[in-house]
Amino acid sequence: MGRIRKRHSAGFKAKVALEAARQDKTIAELAKLHQVHPVQISQWKKQLLDGLEGIFENGSAGRRPDPEKLQTELYEQIGRLQMELAWVKKKSGG
């Protein structure tokens, strides 16, 4: 029988990756403590360290546009453009 995959929260991953980055304990010790494979901890640590640079880019600390708000704005823009296109076609006789 196959094993069921564990799903870890983002908070748990961040906590473990931060502990690994601190290097107070070895990866093997952390793996045993948190019951996670050492390779997984190494991957989370790498993701953490790779993502740190992005925090300081453009002077924003994790500010991302709200996807729903962005989608609404894009749909409104599409609607306006479709209306303009219809108006131009009507005026040009096409």
PDB file of N, CA and C in Angstrom:
ATOM      1  N   MET A   1       0.830  -1.181   0.000  1.00  0.00           N
ATOM      2  CA  MET A   1       0.000   0.000   0.000  1.00  0.00           C
ATOM      3  C   MET A   1       0.875   1.245   0.000  1.00  0.00           C
ATOM      4  N   GLY A   2       0.447   2.267  -0.702  1.00  0.00           N
ATOM      5  CA  GLY A   2       1.191   3.515  -0.755  1.00  0.00           C
ATOM      6  C   GLY A   2       0.936   4.366   0.473  1.00  0.00           C
ATOM      7  N   ARG A   3       1.896   5.194   0.749  1.00  0.00           N
ATOM      8  CA  ARG A   3       1.746   6.099   1.880  1.00  0.00           C
ATOM      9  C   ARG A   3       0.945   7.324   1.461  1.00  0.00           C
ATOM     10  N   ILE A   4       0.240   7.885   2.401  1.00  0.00           N
ATOM     11  CA  ILE A   4      -0.522   9.097   2.148  1.00  0.00           C
ATOM     12  C   ILE A   4       0.413  10.293   2.332  1.00  0.00           C
ATOM     13  N   ARG A   5       0.378  11.205   1.372  1.00  0.00           N
ATOM     14  CA  ARG A   5       1.229  12.384   1.445  1.00  0.00           C
ATOM     15  C   ARG A   5       0.755  13.321   2.541  1.00  0.00           C
ATOM     16  N   LYS A   6       1.708  13.881   3.244  1.00  0.00           N
ATOM     17  CA  LYS A   6       1.386  14.877   4.255  1.00  0.00           C
ATOM     18  C   LYS A   6       1.346  16.239   3.588  1.00  0.00           C
ATOM     19  N   ARG A   7       0.413  17.050   3.993  1.00  0.00           N
ATOM     20  CA  ARG A   7       0.334  18.428   3.511  1.00  0.00           C
ATOM     21  C   ARG A   7       0.674  19.330   4.685  1.00  0.00           C
ATOM     22  N   HIS A   8       1.702  20.122   4.498  1.00  0.00           N
ATOM     23  CA  HIS A   8       2.153  21.017   5.558  1.00  0.00           C
ATOM     24  C   HIS A   8       1.738  22.438   5.237  1.00  0.00           C
ATOM     25  N   SER A   9       1.364  23.171   6.277  1.00  0.00           N
ATOM     26  CA  SER A   9       0.960  24.562   6.078  1.00  0.00           C
ATOM     27  C   SER A   9       2.179  25.412   5.733  1.00  0.00           C
ATOM     28  N   ALA A  10       1.903  26.561   5.155  1.00  0.00           N
ATOM     29  CA  ALA A  10       2.986  27.482   4.805  1.00  0.00           C
ATOM     30  C   ALA A  10       3.721  27.939   6.063  1.00  0.00           C
ATOM     31  N   GLY A  11       2.991  28.115   7.157  1.00  0.00           N
ATOM     32  CA  GLY A  11       3.605  28.525   8.415  1.00  0.00           C
ATOM     33  C   GLY A  11       4.570  27.482   8.940  1.00  0.00           C
ATOM     34  N   PHE A  12       4.174  26.216   8.844  1.00  0.00           N
ATOM     35  CA  PHE A  12       5.036  25.130   9.304  1.00  0.00           C
ATOM     36  C   PHE A  12       6.309  25.074   8.460  1.00  0.00           C
ATOM     37  N   LYS A  13       6.127  25.188   7.133  1.00  0.00           N
ATOM     38  CA  LYS A  13       7.284  25.149   6.236  1.00  0.00           C
ATOM     39  C   LYS A  13       8.237  26.298   6.534  1.00  0.00           C
ATOM     40  N   ALA A  14       7.681  27.478   6.761  1.00  0.00           N
ATOM     41  CA  ALA A  14       8.516  28.652   7.047  1.00  0.00           C
ATOM     42  C   ALA A  14       9.272  28.470   8.353  1.00  0.00           C
ATOM     43  N   LYS A  15       8.590  27.928   9.355  1.00  0.00           N
ATOM     44  CA  LYS A  15       9.219  27.710  10.658  1.00  0.00           C
ATOM     45  C   LYS A  15      10.391  26.744  10.543  1.00  0.00           C
ATOM     46  N   VAL A  16      10.171  25.635   9.862  1.00  0.00           N
ATOM     47  CA  VAL A  16      11.218  24.624   9.711  1.00  0.00           C
ATOM     48  C   VAL A  16      12.368  25.162   8.857  1.00  0.00           C
ATOM     49  N   ALA A  17      12.034  25.857   7.778  1.00  0.00           N
ATOM     50  CA  ALA A  17      13.071  26.415   6.901  1.00  0.00           C
ATOM     51  C   ALA A  17      13.901  27.454   7.639  1.00  0.00           C
ATOM     52  N   LEU A  18      13.263  28.254   8.470  1.00  0.00           N
ATOM     53  CA  LEU A  18      13.981  29.264   9.239  1.00  0.00           C
ATOM     54  C   LEU A  18      14.915  28.613  10.254  1.00  0.00           C
ATOM     55  N   GLU A  19      14.437  27.548  10.892  1.00  0.00           N
ATOM     56  CA  GLU A  19      15.300  26.802  11.823  1.00  0.00           C
ATOM     57  C   GLU A  19      16.506  26.236  11.084  1.00  0.00           C
ATOM     58  N   ALA A  20      16.288  25.740   9.872  1.00  0.00           N
ATOM     59  CA  ALA A  20      17.384  25.184   9.081  1.00  0.00           C
ATOM     60  C   ALA A  20      18.374  26.279   8.681  1.00  0.00           C
ATOM     61  N   ALA A  21      17.845  27.459   8.349  1.00  0.00           N
ATOM     62  CA  ALA A  21      18.710  28.567   7.943  1.00  0.00           C
ATOM     63  C   ALA A  21      19.548  29.077   9.119  1.00  0.00           C
ATOM     64  N   ARG A  22      19.002  28.997  10.316  1.00  0.00           N
ATOM     65  CA  ARG A  22      19.749  29.429  11.509  1.00  0.00           C
ATOM     66  C   ARG A  22      20.949  28.532  11.781  1.00  0.00           C
ATOM     67  N   GLN A  23      20.846  27.293  11.382  1.00  0.00           N
ATOM     68  CA  GLN A  23      21.902  26.292  11.551  1.00  0.00           C
ATOM     69  C   GLN A  23      22.232  26.021  13.016  1.00  0.00           C
ATOM     70  N   ASP A  24      21.225  26.146  13.898  1.00  0.00           N
ATOM     71  CA  ASP A  24      21.410  25.770  15.303  1.00  0.00           C
ATOM     72  C   ASP A  24      21.437  24.249  15.436  1.00  0.00           C
ATOM     73  N   LYS A  25      20.674  23.586  14.581  1.00  0.00           N
ATOM     74  CA  LYS A  25      20.619  22.124  14.566  1.00  0.00           C
ATOM     75  C   LYS A  25      20.908  21.662  13.142  1.00  0.00           C
ATOM     76  N   THR A  26      21.330  20.426  13.022  1.00  0.00           N
ATOM     77  CA  THR A  26      21.579  19.877  11.694  1.00  0.00           C
ATOM     78  C   THR A  26      20.251  19.575  11.008  1.00  0.00           C
ATOM     79  N   ILE A  27      20.314  19.406   9.698  1.00  0.00           N
ATOM     80  CA  ILE A  27      19.115  19.064   8.921  1.00  0.00           C
ATOM     81  C   ILE A  27      18.536  17.736   9.414  1.00  0.00           C
ATOM     82  N   ALA A  28      19.417  16.804   9.735  1.00  0.00           N
ATOM     83  CA  ALA A  28      18.964  15.496  10.215  1.00  0.00           C
ATOM     84  C   ALA A  28      18.234  15.629  11.553  1.00  0.00           C
ATOM     85  N   GLU A  29      18.740  16.474  12.430  1.00  0.00           N
ATOM     86  CA  GLU A  29      18.076  16.684  13.716  1.00  0.00           C
ATOM     87  C   GLU A  29      16.696  17.313  13.524  1.00  0.00           C
ATOM     88  N   LEU A  30      16.621  18.289  12.633  1.00  0.00           N
ATOM     89  CA  LEU A  30      15.340  18.934  12.351  1.00  0.00           C
ATOM     90  C   LEU A  30      14.361  17.953  11.718  1.00  0.00           C
ATOM     91  N   ALA A  31      14.866  17.104  10.838  1.00  0.00           N
ATOM     92  CA  ALA A  31      14.014  16.114  10.175  1.00  0.00           C
ATOM     93  C   ALA A  31      13.398  15.162  11.201  1.00  0.00           C
ATOM     94  N   LYS A  32      14.202  14.734  12.134  1.00  0.00           N
ATOM     95  CA  LYS A  32      13.717  13.824  13.165  1.00  0.00           C
ATOM     96  C   LYS A  32      12.738  14.544  14.090  1.00  0.00           C
ATOM     97  N   LEU A  33      13.059  15.773  14.448  1.00  0.00           N
ATOM     98  CA  LEU A  33      12.221  16.547  15.351  1.00  0.00           C
ATOM     99  C   LEU A  33      10.844  16.823  14.750  1.00  0.00           C
ATOM    100  N   HIS A  34      10.807  17.204  13.481  1.00  0.00           N
ATOM    101  CA  HIS A  34       9.553  17.587  12.832  1.00  0.00           C
ATOM    102  C   HIS A  34       8.944  16.471  11.996  1.00  0.00           C
ATOM    103  N   GLN A  35       9.578  15.329  11.943  1.00  0.00           N
ATOM    104  CA  GLN A  35       9.111  14.159  11.191  1.00  0.00           C
ATOM    105  C   GLN A  35       8.894  14.496   9.715  1.00  0.00           C
ATOM    106  N   VAL A  36       9.929  15.114   9.135  1.00  0.00           N
ATOM    107  CA  VAL A  36       9.933  15.476   7.725  1.00  0.00           C
ATOM    108  C   VAL A  36      11.240  14.975   7.131  1.00  0.00           C
ATOM    109  N   HIS A  37      11.217  14.586   5.880  1.00  0.00           N
ATOM    110  CA  HIS A  37      12.423  14.083   5.231  1.00  0.00           C
ATOM    111  C   HIS A  37      13.468  15.200   5.119  1.00  0.00           C
ATOM    112  N   PRO A  38      14.737  14.879   5.350  1.00  0.00           N
ATOM    113  CA  PRO A  38      15.792  15.901   5.282  1.00  0.00           C
ATOM    114  C   PRO A  38      15.865  16.629   3.937  1.00  0.00           C
ATOM    115  N   VAL A  39      15.604  15.924   2.848  1.00  0.00           N
ATOM    116  CA  VAL A  39      15.637  16.556   1.527  1.00  0.00           C
ATOM    117  C   VAL A  39      14.546  17.626   1.437  1.00  0.00           C
ATOM    118  N   GLN A  40      13.383  17.332   2.021  1.00  0.00           N
ATOM    119  CA  GLN A  40      12.287  18.301   2.006  1.00  0.00           C
ATOM    120  C   GLN A  40      12.674  19.563   2.764  1.00  0.00           C
ATOM    121  N   ILE A  41      13.325  19.404   3.897  1.00  0.00           N
ATOM    122  CA  ILE A  41      13.770  20.560   4.675  1.00  0.00           C
ATOM    123  C   ILE A  41      14.781  21.369   3.880  1.00  0.00           C
ATOM    124  N   SER A  42      15.684  20.697   3.195  1.00  0.00           N
ATOM    125  CA  SER A  42      16.672  21.399   2.377  1.00  0.00           C
ATOM    126  C   SER A  42      15.995  22.196   1.262  1.00  0.00           C
ATOM    127  N   GLN A  43      14.958  21.618   0.663  1.00  0.00           N
ATOM    128  CA  GLN A  43      14.226  22.323  -0.394  1.00  0.00           C
ATOM    129  C   GLN A  43      13.518  23.555   0.161  1.00  0.00           C
ATOM    130  N   TRP A  44      12.881  23.418   1.328  1.00  0.00           N
ATOM    131  CA  TRP A  44      12.204  24.554   1.948  1.00  0.00           C
ATOM    132  C   TRP A  44      13.204  25.652   2.302  1.00  0.00           C
ATOM    133  N   LYS A  45      14.365  25.242   2.798  1.00  0.00           N
ATOM    134  CA  LYS A  45      15.411  26.215   3.152  1.00  0.00           C
ATOM    135  C   LYS A  45      15.860  26.966   1.904  1.00  0.00           C
ATOM    136  N   LYS A  46      16.049  26.244   0.805  1.00  0.00           N
ATOM    137  CA  LYS A  46      16.477  26.876  -0.444  1.00  0.00           C
ATOM    138  C   LYS A  46      15.412  27.850  -0.937  1.00  0.00           C
ATOM    139  N   GLN A  47      14.140  27.456  -0.863  1.00  0.00           N
ATOM    140  CA  GLN A  47      13.054  28.344  -1.269  1.00  0.00           C
ATOM    141  C   GLN A  47      13.031  29.607  -0.410  1.00  0.00           C
ATOM    142  N   LEU A  48      13.259  29.436   0.883  1.00  0.00           N
ATOM    143  CA  LEU A  48      13.285  30.571   1.794  1.00  0.00           C
ATOM    144  C   LEU A  48      14.398  31.535   1.424  1.00  0.00           C
ATOM    145  N   LEU A  49      15.583  31.010   1.242  1.00  0.00           N
ATOM    146  CA  LEU A  49      16.725  31.868   0.944  1.00  0.00           C
ATOM    147  C   LEU A  49      16.610  32.504  -0.437  1.00  0.00           C
ATOM    148  N   ASP A  50      16.049  31.782  -1.404  1.00  0.00           N
ATOM    149  CA  ASP A  50      15.854  32.350  -2.742  1.00  0.00           C
ATOM    150  C   ASP A  50      14.791  33.447  -2.730  1.00  0.00           C
ATOM    151  N   GLY A  51      13.790  33.295  -1.885  1.00  0.00           N
ATOM    152  CA  GLY A  51      12.701  34.262  -1.832  1.00  0.00           C
ATOM    153  C   GLY A  51      13.006  35.509  -1.027  1.00  0.00           C
ATOM    154  N   LEU A  52      14.043  35.480  -0.232  1.00  0.00           N
ATOM    155  CA  LEU A  52      14.372  36.637   0.603  1.00  0.00           C
ATOM    156  C   LEU A  52      14.707  37.867  -0.222  1.00  0.00           C
ATOM    157  N   GLU A  53      15.349  37.671  -1.353  1.00  0.00           N
ATOM    158  CA  GLU A  53      15.738  38.791  -2.198  1.00  0.00           C
ATOM    159  C   GLU A  53      14.512  39.554  -2.691  1.00  0.00           C
ATOM    160  N   GLY A  54      13.454  38.837  -2.977  1.00  0.00           N
ATOM    161  CA  GLY A  54      12.239  39.454  -3.482  1.00  0.00           C
ATOM    162  C   GLY A  54      11.544  40.350  -2.474  1.00  0.00           C
ATOM    163  N   ILE A  55      11.780  40.130  -1.207  1.00  0.00           N
ATOM    164  CA  ILE A  55      11.153  40.940  -0.174  1.00  0.00           C
ATOM    165  C   ILE A  55      11.599  42.394  -0.270  1.00  0.00           C
ATOM    166  N   PHE A  56      12.850  42.604  -0.628  1.00  0.00           N
ATOM    167  CA  PHE A  56      13.412  43.940  -0.622  1.00  0.00           C
ATOM    168  C   PHE A  56      13.369  44.628  -1.980  1.00  0.00           C
ATOM    169  N   GLU A  57      12.821  43.976  -2.992  1.00  0.00           N
ATOM    170  CA  GLU A  57      12.728  44.576  -4.309  1.00  0.00           C
ATOM    171  C   GLU A  57      11.604  45.596  -4.342  1.00  0.00           C
ATOM    172  N   ASN A  58      11.806  46.679  -5.063  1.00  0.00           N
ATOM    173  CA  ASN A  58      10.805  47.727  -5.283  1.00  0.00           C
ATOM    174  C   ASN A  58      10.282  48.345  -3.992  1.00  0.00           C
ATOM    175  N   GLY A  59      10.997  48.206  -2.909  1.00  0.00           N
ATOM    176  CA  GLY A  59      10.609  48.839  -1.662  1.00  0.00           C
ATOM    177  C   GLY A  59       9.334  48.314  -1.055  1.00  0.00           C
ATOM    178  N   SER A  60       8.852  47.189  -1.527  1.00  0.00           N
ATOM    179  CA  SER A  60       7.622  46.638  -0.966  1.00  0.00           C
ATOM    180  C   SER A  60       7.923  45.298  -0.322  1.00  0.00           C
ATOM    181  N   ALA A  61       7.360  45.116   0.847  1.00  0.00           N
ATOM    182  CA  ALA A  61       7.576  43.866   1.576  1.00  0.00           C
ATOM    183  C   ALA A  61       6.380  42.953   1.345  1.00  0.00           C
ATOM    184  N   GLY A  62       6.417  42.251   0.230  1.00  0.00           N
ATOM    185  CA  GLY A  62       5.365  41.276  -0.049  1.00  0.00           C
ATOM    186  C   GLY A  62       4.052  41.893  -0.512  1.00  0.00           C
ATOM    187  N   ARG A  63       4.044  43.115  -0.971  1.00  0.00           N
ATOM    188  CA  ARG A  63       2.811  43.717  -1.464  1.00  0.00           C
ATOM    189  C   ARG A  63       2.510  43.172  -2.846  1.00  0.00           C
ATOM    190  N   ARG A  64       1.413  42.480  -2.931  1.00  0.00           N
ATOM    191  CA  ARG A  64       0.979  41.946  -4.221  1.00  0.00           C
ATOM    192  C   ARG A  64      -0.447  42.414  -4.458  1.00  0.00           C
ATOM    193  N   PRO A  65      -0.788  42.684  -5.703  1.00  0.00           N
ATOM    194  CA  PRO A  65      -2.152  43.134  -5.964  1.00  0.00           C
ATOM    195  C   PRO A  65      -3.151  42.025  -5.649  1.00  0.00           C
ATOM    196  N   ASP A  66      -4.321  42.440  -5.197  1.00  0.00           N
ATOM    197  CA  ASP A  66      -5.388  41.501  -4.902  1.00  0.00           C
ATOM    198  C   ASP A  66      -5.858  40.899  -6.221  1.00  0.00           C
ATOM    199  N   PRO A  67      -5.799  39.576  -6.367  1.00  0.00           N
ATOM    200  CA  PRO A  67      -6.159  38.957  -7.653  1.00  0.00           C
ATOM    201  C   PRO A  67      -7.605  39.248  -8.071  1.00  0.00           C
ATOM    202  N   GLU A  68      -8.533  39.274  -7.121  1.00  0.00           N
ATOM    203  CA  GLU A  68      -9.927  39.532  -7.471  1.00  0.00           C
ATOM    204  C   GLU A  68     -10.102  40.971  -7.954  1.00  0.00           C
ATOM    205  N   LYS A  69      -9.448  41.906  -7.289  1.00  0.00           N
ATOM    206  CA  LYS A  69      -9.536  43.310  -7.691  1.00  0.00           C
ATOM    207  C   LYS A  69      -8.926  43.502  -9.078  1.00  0.00           C
ATOM    208  N   LEU A  70      -7.788  42.851  -9.306  1.00  0.00           N
ATOM    209  CA  LEU A  70      -7.126  42.944 -10.606  1.00  0.00           C
ATOM    210  C   LEU A  70      -8.012  42.365 -11.702  1.00  0.00           C
ATOM    211  N   GLN A  71      -8.638  41.232 -11.424  1.00  0.00           N
ATOM    212  CA  GLN A  71      -9.513  40.601 -12.410  1.00  0.00           C
ATOM    213  C   GLN A  71     -10.699  41.503 -12.730  1.00  0.00           C
ATOM    214  N   THR A  72     -11.282  42.110 -11.708  1.00  0.00           N
ATOM    215  CA  THR A  72     -12.416  43.014 -11.918  1.00  0.00           C
ATOM    216  C   THR A  72     -12.005  44.191 -12.793  1.00  0.00           C
ATOM    217  N   GLU A  73     -10.849  44.781 -12.497  1.00  0.00           N
ATOM    218  CA  GLU A  73     -10.373  45.913 -13.285  1.00  0.00           C
ATOM    219  C   GLU A  73     -10.133  45.522 -14.746  1.00  0.00           C
ATOM    220  N   LEU A  74      -9.575  44.334 -14.949  1.00  0.00           N
ATOM    221  CA  LEU A  74      -9.312  43.873 -16.309  1.00  0.00           C
ATOM    222  C   LEU A  74     -10.605  43.640 -17.085  1.00  0.00           C
ATOM    223  N   TYR A  75     -11.612  43.053 -16.416  1.00  0.00           N
ATOM    224  CA  TYR A  75     -12.899  42.847 -17.082  1.00  0.00           C
ATOM    225  C   TYR A  75     -13.545  44.180 -17.432  1.00  0.00           C
ATOM    226  N   GLU A  76     -13.432  45.182 -16.551  1.00  0.00           N
ATOM    227  CA  GLU A  76     -13.982  46.502 -16.853  1.00  0.00           C
ATOM    228  C   GLU A  76     -13.281  47.115 -18.061  1.00  0.00           C
ATOM    229  N   GLN A  77     -11.969  46.950 -18.117  1.00  0.00           N
ATOM    230  CA  GLN A  77     -11.207  47.490 -19.240  1.00  0.00           C
ATOM    231  C   GLN A  77     -11.600  46.791 -20.545  1.00  0.00           C
ATOM    232  N   ILE A  78     -11.795  45.483 -20.483  1.00  0.00           N
ATOM    233  CA  ILE A  78     -12.227  44.741 -21.676  1.00  0.00           C
ATOM    234  C   ILE A  78     -13.583  45.262 -22.144  1.00  0.00           C
ATOM    235  N   GLY A  79     -14.486  45.487 -21.201  1.00  0.00           N
ATOM    236  CA  GLY A  79     -15.811  46.003 -21.547  1.00  0.00           C
ATOM    237  C   GLY A  79     -15.736  47.363 -22.220  1.00  0.00           C
ATOM    238  N   ARG A  80     -14.903  48.259 -21.661  1.00  0.00           N
ATOM    239  CA  ARG A  80     -14.739  49.596 -22.259  1.00  0.00           C
ATOM    240  C   ARG A  80     -14.168  49.495 -23.677  1.00  0.00           C
ATOM    241  N   LEU A  81     -13.172  48.636 -23.843  1.00  0.00           N
ATOM    242  CA  LEU A  81     -12.554  48.490 -25.165  1.00  0.00           C
ATOM    243  C   LEU A  81     -13.531  47.909 -26.179  1.00  0.00           C
ATOM    244  N   GLN A  82     -14.366  46.976 -25.734  1.00  0.00           N
ATOM    245  CA  GLN A  82     -15.366  46.405 -26.645  1.00  0.00           C
ATOM    246  C   GLN A  82     -16.382  47.463 -27.060  1.00  0.00           C
ATOM    247  N   MET A  83     -16.769  48.326 -26.106  1.00  0.00           N
ATOM    248  CA  MET A  83     -17.708  49.405 -26.430  1.00  0.00           C
ATOM    249  C   MET A  83     -17.077  50.384 -27.406  1.00  0.00           C
ATOM    250  N   GLU A  84     -15.817  50.738 -27.188  1.00  0.00           N
ATOM    251  CA  GLU A  84     -15.125  51.647 -28.095  1.00  0.00           C
ATOM    252  C   GLU A  84     -15.020  51.048 -29.490  1.00  0.00           C
ATOM    253  N   LEU A  85     -14.709  49.775 -29.562  1.00  0.00           N
ATOM    254  CA  LEU A  85     -14.590  49.100 -30.848  1.00  0.00           C
ATOM    255  C   LEU A  85     -15.925  49.108 -31.584  1.00  0.00           C
ATOM    256  N   ALA A  86     -17.001  48.824 -30.866  1.00  0.00           N
ATOM    257  CA  ALA A  86     -18.328  48.829 -31.486  1.00  0.00           C
ATOM    258  C   ALA A  86     -18.667  50.225 -31.984  1.00  0.00           C
ATOM    259  N   TRP A  87     -18.325  51.251 -31.217  1.00  0.00           N
ATOM    260  CA  TRP A  87     -18.603  52.641 -31.614  1.00  0.00           C
ATOM    261  C   TRP A  87     -17.828  53.008 -32.879  1.00  0.00           C
ATOM    262  N   VAL A  88     -16.521  52.602 -32.903  1.00  0.00           N
ATOM    263  CA  VAL A  88     -15.685  52.911 -34.070  1.00  0.00           C
ATOM    264  C   VAL A  88     -16.231  52.179 -35.297  1.00  0.00           C
ATOM    265  N   LYS A  89     -16.651  50.945 -35.156  1.00  0.00           N
ATOM    266  CA  LYS A  89     -17.199  50.186 -36.293  1.00  0.00           C
ATOM    267  C   LYS A  89     -18.478  50.852 -36.801  1.00  0.00           C
ATOM    268  N   LYS A  90     -19.310  51.327 -35.873  1.00  0.00           N
ATOM    269  CA  LYS A  90     -20.575  51.970 -36.247  1.00  0.00           C
ATOM    270  C   LYS A  90     -20.312  53.276 -36.991  1.00  0.00           C
ATOM    271  N   LYS A  91     -19.352  54.053 -36.490  1.00  0.00           N
ATOM    272  CA  LYS A  91     -19.046  55.350 -37.110  1.00  0.00           C
ATOM    273  C   LYS A  91     -18.380  55.195 -38.478  1.00  0.00           C
ATOM    274  N   SER A  92     -17.605  54.126 -38.623  1.00  0.00           N
ATOM    275  CA  SER A  92     -16.901  53.931 -39.900  1.00  0.00           C
ATOM    276  C   SER A  92     -17.791  53.232 -40.933  1.00  0.00           C
ATOM    277  N   GLY A  93     -18.989  52.808 -40.500  1.00  0.00           N
ATOM    278  CA  GLY A  93     -19.909  52.167 -41.431  1.00  0.00           C
ATOM    279  C   GLY A  93     -19.610  50.693 -41.631  1.00  0.00           C
ATOM    280  N   GLY A  94     -18.802  50.114 -40.728  1.00  0.00           N
ATOM    281  CA  GLY A  94     -18.426  48.711 -40.924  1.00  0.00           C
ATOM    282  C   GLY A  94     -19.076  47.850 -39.992  1.00  0.00           C
TER     283      GLY A  94
END
